Amino acid sequence: MRIISHRGWWHQPDEKNTRAAFERSIAAGYGTETDVRDMAGRLVVSHDPPGNEAMRWEDALDLFTGTGLPLAVNVKADGLGPALARSFEGRGISWFAFDMSVPEMVRYARADLPFYTRHSDVEPDPILYHEAQGVWLDGFHRDWFDKRVIERHLAAGKAVCVVSPELHGRDPHRVWEWLLDMAGDITLCTDFPDRASGMLS
């Protein structure tokens, strides 16, 4: 079981997707999920439409280069695939993209870029399942999935990244408890990497 921090390991909400949150995550040995957009012709780290305070994408990658820690890249705009792929060249960072639009996902598949498809309570049929390297397993309104869902994806040769319930305002501990017994290529994306690590390790 791998654990990645959601937008870095932040302590206050305004630290999300900041250098401090990424440095804290790296120091503790956690990969991270973060967001990428474009602004004025360059890639930046930003969940919402960016302002001048947005961190340069290259600066974020510089932090993770050489750490051996993975990045899950939430793609917030179309047309970023070629630039995103170039940004990782020569860095040795394990990464995958997810959450892009359907037409953009088709482009990632055609370009053989690493991407996960989403499986959720509002998306019961994952798009481009056979082409995807993995599954971003999410529950927007309820904790609908269980071990059997994850095991089916693993049996199909897919990696699975589980979105921890606190990202949607729910207590995560019930899900964490049954994840304890699971093996395979599973990642947990969480706002509480230290708590999850203490329970799942």
Protein backbone atom coordinates (compact mmCIF):
# COMPACT_ATOMS: atom_id res chain seq x y z
CA MET A 1 0.00 0.00 0.00
CA ARG A 2 1.43 3.33 -1.09
CA ILE A 3 0.25 6.58 0.41
CA ILE A 4 0.24 9.88 -1.47
CA SER A 5 -0.71 13.25 -0.07
CA HIS A 6 -3.58 15.21 -1.60
CA ARG A 7 -2.15 18.49 -2.98
CA GLY A 8 0.90 17.96 -0.80
CA TRP A 9 0.93 17.35 2.94
CA TRP A 10 -0.73 20.57 4.04
CA HIS A 11 -1.55 21.60 7.60
CA GLN A 12 -3.66 24.63 6.73
CA PRO A 13 -5.92 24.82 3.67
CA ASP A 14 -3.97 27.71 2.18
CA GLU A 15 -0.89 25.44 2.02
CA LYS A 16 -2.45 23.14 -0.61
CA ASN A 17 -0.33 22.86 -3.76
CA THR A 18 2.47 24.95 -2.28
CA ARG A 19 6.20 24.40 -1.94
CA ALA A 20 5.82 23.98 1.83
CA ALA A 21 3.24 21.20 1.41
CA PHE A 22 5.33 19.40 -1.22
CA GLU A 23 8.53 19.68 0.82
CA ARG A 24 6.74 18.32 3.90
CA SER A 25 5.38 15.38 1.88
CA ILE A 26 8.78 14.59 0.40
CA ALA A 27 10.54 14.81 3.78
CA ALA A 28 8.08 12.25 5.18
CA GLY A 29 8.49 9.94 2.18
CA TYR A 30 5.07 10.44 0.56
CA GLY A 31 4.38 11.00 -3.09
CA THR A 32 1.61 13.44 -3.91
CA GLU A 33 -1.39 14.27 -6.01
CA THR A 34 -1.35 17.74 -7.50
CA ASP A 35 -3.03 19.83 -10.18
CA VAL A 36 -1.66 21.20 -13.44
CA ARG A 37 -2.98 24.00 -15.64
CA ASP A 38 -1.51 26.37 -18.19
CA MET A 39 -1.06 30.09 -17.73
CA ALA A 40 0.45 32.45 -20.29
CA GLY A 41 1.91 29.55 -22.25
CA ARG A 42 3.52 27.65 -19.36
CA LEU A 43 2.47 24.91 -16.99
CA VAL A 44 1.64 25.84 -13.40
CA VAL A 45 0.47 24.07 -10.26
CA SER A 46 -3.10 25.16 -9.64
CA HIS A 47 -6.45 23.54 -8.87
CA ASP A 48 -8.52 26.60 -9.77
CA PRO A 49 -7.91 29.15 -12.55
CA PRO A 50 -4.43 30.40 -11.67
CA GLY A 51 -3.13 33.78 -10.64
CA ASN A 52 0.39 35.10 -10.54
CA GLU A 53 1.02 33.28 -7.25
CA ALA A 54 0.76 29.86 -8.93
CA MET A 55 3.89 27.73 -8.58
CA ARG A 56 5.72 26.93 -11.81
CA TRP A 57 5.30 23.28 -12.78
CA GLU A 58 9.03 22.90 -13.36
CA ASP A 59 9.73 24.08 -9.81
CA ALA A 60 7.42 21.40 -8.42
CA LEU A 61 9.09 18.72 -10.53
CA ASP A 62 12.51 19.90 -9.37
CA LEU A 63 11.45 19.10 -5.80
CA PHE A 64 10.44 15.52 -6.69
CA THR A 65 13.30 14.72 -9.06
CA GLY A 66 15.60 12.14 -7.50
CA THR A 67 13.27 11.32 -4.60
CA GLY A 68 11.76 8.14 -6.08
CA LEU A 69 8.32 9.39 -5.02
CA PRO A 70 5.35 9.22 -7.42
CA LEU A 71 3.14 12.02 -8.70
CA ALA A 72 -0.54 11.74 -9.57
CA VAL A 73 -1.30 14.63 -11.93
CA ASN A 74 -4.84 15.99 -11.98
CA VAL A 75 -5.15 17.54 -15.45
CA LYS A 76 -7.29 20.67 -15.28
CA ALA A 77 -7.11 21.82 -18.92
CA ASP A 78 -7.08 20.27 -22.38
CA GLY A 79 -4.09 20.32 -24.67
CA LEU A 80 -1.42 19.90 -21.99
CA GLY A 81 -0.36 16.34 -22.84
CA PRO A 82 2.70 17.04 -25.02
CA ALA A 83 4.08 19.72 -22.69
CA LEU A 84 3.36 17.57 -19.64
CA ALA A 85 5.17 14.60 -21.14
CA ARG A 86 8.17 16.77 -22.03
CA SER A 87 8.30 18.15 -18.50
CA PHE A 88 8.96 14.67 -17.11
CA GLU A 89 11.67 13.71 -19.61
CA GLY A 90 14.94 12.75 -17.94
CA ARG A 91 13.61 13.24 -14.42
CA GLY A 92 12.98 9.60 -13.48
CA ILE A 93 9.70 10.47 -11.76
CA SER A 94 6.96 7.84 -11.73
CA TRP A 95 3.75 9.65 -12.73
CA PHE A 96 0.32 9.29 -14.20
CA ALA A 97 -2.33 11.75 -15.30
CA PHE A 98 -6.03 11.56 -14.50
CA ASP A 99 -9.29 13.52 -14.51
CA MET A 100 -8.87 15.03 -17.97
CA SER A 101 -11.84 15.42 -20.32
CA VAL A 102 -12.88 12.44 -22.45
CA PRO A 103 -11.46 13.86 -25.71
CA GLU A 104 -8.22 14.64 -23.89
CA MET A 105 -8.11 11.11 -22.47
CA VAL A 106 -8.33 9.78 -26.01
CA ARG A 107 -5.31 11.91 -26.92
CA TYR A 108 -3.34 10.58 -23.93
CA ALA A 109 -4.16 7.01 -24.96
CA ARG A 110 -3.09 7.65 -28.56
CA ALA A 111 0.16 9.23 -27.37
CA ASP A 112 0.77 6.31 -24.98
CA LEU A 113 0.98 8.63 -21.98
CA PRO A 114 0.37 7.12 -18.52
CA PHE A 115 -3.17 7.81 -17.35
CA TYR A 116 -5.77 6.42 -14.94
CA THR A 117 -9.46 6.25 -15.72
CA ARG A 118 -12.03 7.18 -13.09
CA HIS A 119 -14.46 4.74 -11.48
CA SER A 120 -16.95 6.36 -9.12
CA ASP A 121 -20.51 6.41 -7.90
CA VAL A 122 -21.36 8.80 -10.75
CA GLU A 123 -19.13 7.06 -13.33
CA PRO A 124 -19.99 3.36 -13.02
CA ASP A 125 -18.41 2.47 -16.38
CA PRO A 126 -14.77 3.64 -16.54
CA ILE A 127 -13.87 5.22 -19.87
CA LEU A 128 -11.02 3.75 -21.95
CA TYR A 129 -10.58 1.06 -19.32
CA HIS A 130 -8.43 -1.25 -21.43
CA GLU A 131 -6.03 1.52 -22.41
CA ALA A 132 -5.64 2.94 -18.90
CA GLN A 133 -2.75 1.91 -16.67
CA GLY A 134 -4.89 2.22 -13.59
CA VAL A 135 -8.14 3.28 -11.97
CA TRP A 136 -8.81 6.38 -9.88
CA LEU A 137 -11.40 4.95 -7.49
CA ASP A 138 -13.62 7.64 -6.02
CA GLY A 139 -16.82 8.06 -4.05
CA PHE A 140 -18.34 11.51 -4.34
CA HIS A 141 -21.50 10.92 -2.34
CA ARG A 142 -20.89 7.68 -0.44
CA ASP A 143 -18.37 4.94 0.25
CA TRP A 144 -19.82 2.67 -2.42
CA PHE A 145 -16.80 0.50 -3.28
CA ASP A 146 -15.33 -2.39 -1.33
CA LYS A 147 -12.58 -5.01 -1.56
CA ARG A 148 -14.32 -6.84 -4.38
CA VAL A 149 -14.28 -3.76 -6.61
CA ILE A 150 -10.55 -3.25 -6.04
CA GLU A 151 -9.81 -6.95 -6.53
CA ARG A 152 -11.60 -6.94 -9.89
CA HIS A 153 -9.46 -4.06 -11.10
CA LEU A 154 -6.27 -5.68 -9.83
CA ALA A 155 -7.22 -8.96 -11.53
CA ALA A 156 -7.63 -7.02 -14.79
CA GLY A 157 -4.03 -5.81 -14.45
CA LYS A 158 -4.89 -2.29 -13.33
CA ALA A 159 -3.23 -0.32 -10.58
CA VAL A 160 -5.75 1.28 -8.22
CA CYS A 161 -5.61 4.64 -6.47
CA VAL A 162 -8.27 4.93 -3.76
CA VAL A 163 -9.56 8.40 -2.96
CA SER A 164 -9.79 8.56 0.82
CA PRO A 165 -13.30 9.56 2.01
CA GLU A 166 -12.17 12.65 3.94
CA LEU A 167 -11.54 14.35 0.58
CA HIS A 168 -15.34 14.45 0.34
CA GLY A 169 -16.00 15.29 3.99
CA ARG A 170 -16.52 11.75 5.33
CA ASP A 171 -14.72 9.80 8.04
CA PRO A 172 -12.09 7.61 6.35
CA HIS A 173 -11.46 5.06 9.08
CA ARG A 174 -13.91 2.37 7.96
CA VAL A 175 -12.36 2.31 4.49
CA TRP A 176 -8.84 2.36 5.94
CA GLU A 177 -9.70 -0.61 8.17
CA TRP A 178 -10.59 -2.94 5.32
CA LEU A 179 -7.74 -1.66 3.17
CA LEU A 180 -5.41 -3.07 5.84
CA ASP A 181 -6.03 -6.59 4.56
CA MET A 182 -5.45 -5.83 0.89
CA ALA A 183 -2.37 -6.48 -1.21
CA GLY A 184 -1.43 -5.47 -4.73
CA ASP A 185 -0.72 -2.30 -6.67
CA ILE A 186 -2.84 -0.02 -4.48
CA THR A 187 -2.31 3.64 -3.58
CA LEU A 188 -4.28 5.74 -1.11
CA CYS A 189 -4.66 9.48 -1.79
CA THR A 190 -5.33 11.26 1.49
CA ASP A 191 -5.31 14.58 3.29
CA PHE A 192 -3.96 12.74 6.36
CA PRO A 193 -0.91 10.78 5.17
CA ASP A 194 0.56 10.51 8.66
CA ARG A 195 -2.63 9.09 10.16
CA ALA A 196 -3.16 6.73 7.25
CA SER A 197 0.43 5.53 7.44
CA GLY A 198 0.11 4.90 11.18
CA MET A 199 -2.97 2.79 10.64
CA LEU A 200 -2.02 0.97 7.41
CA SER A 201 1.65 0.23 8.02
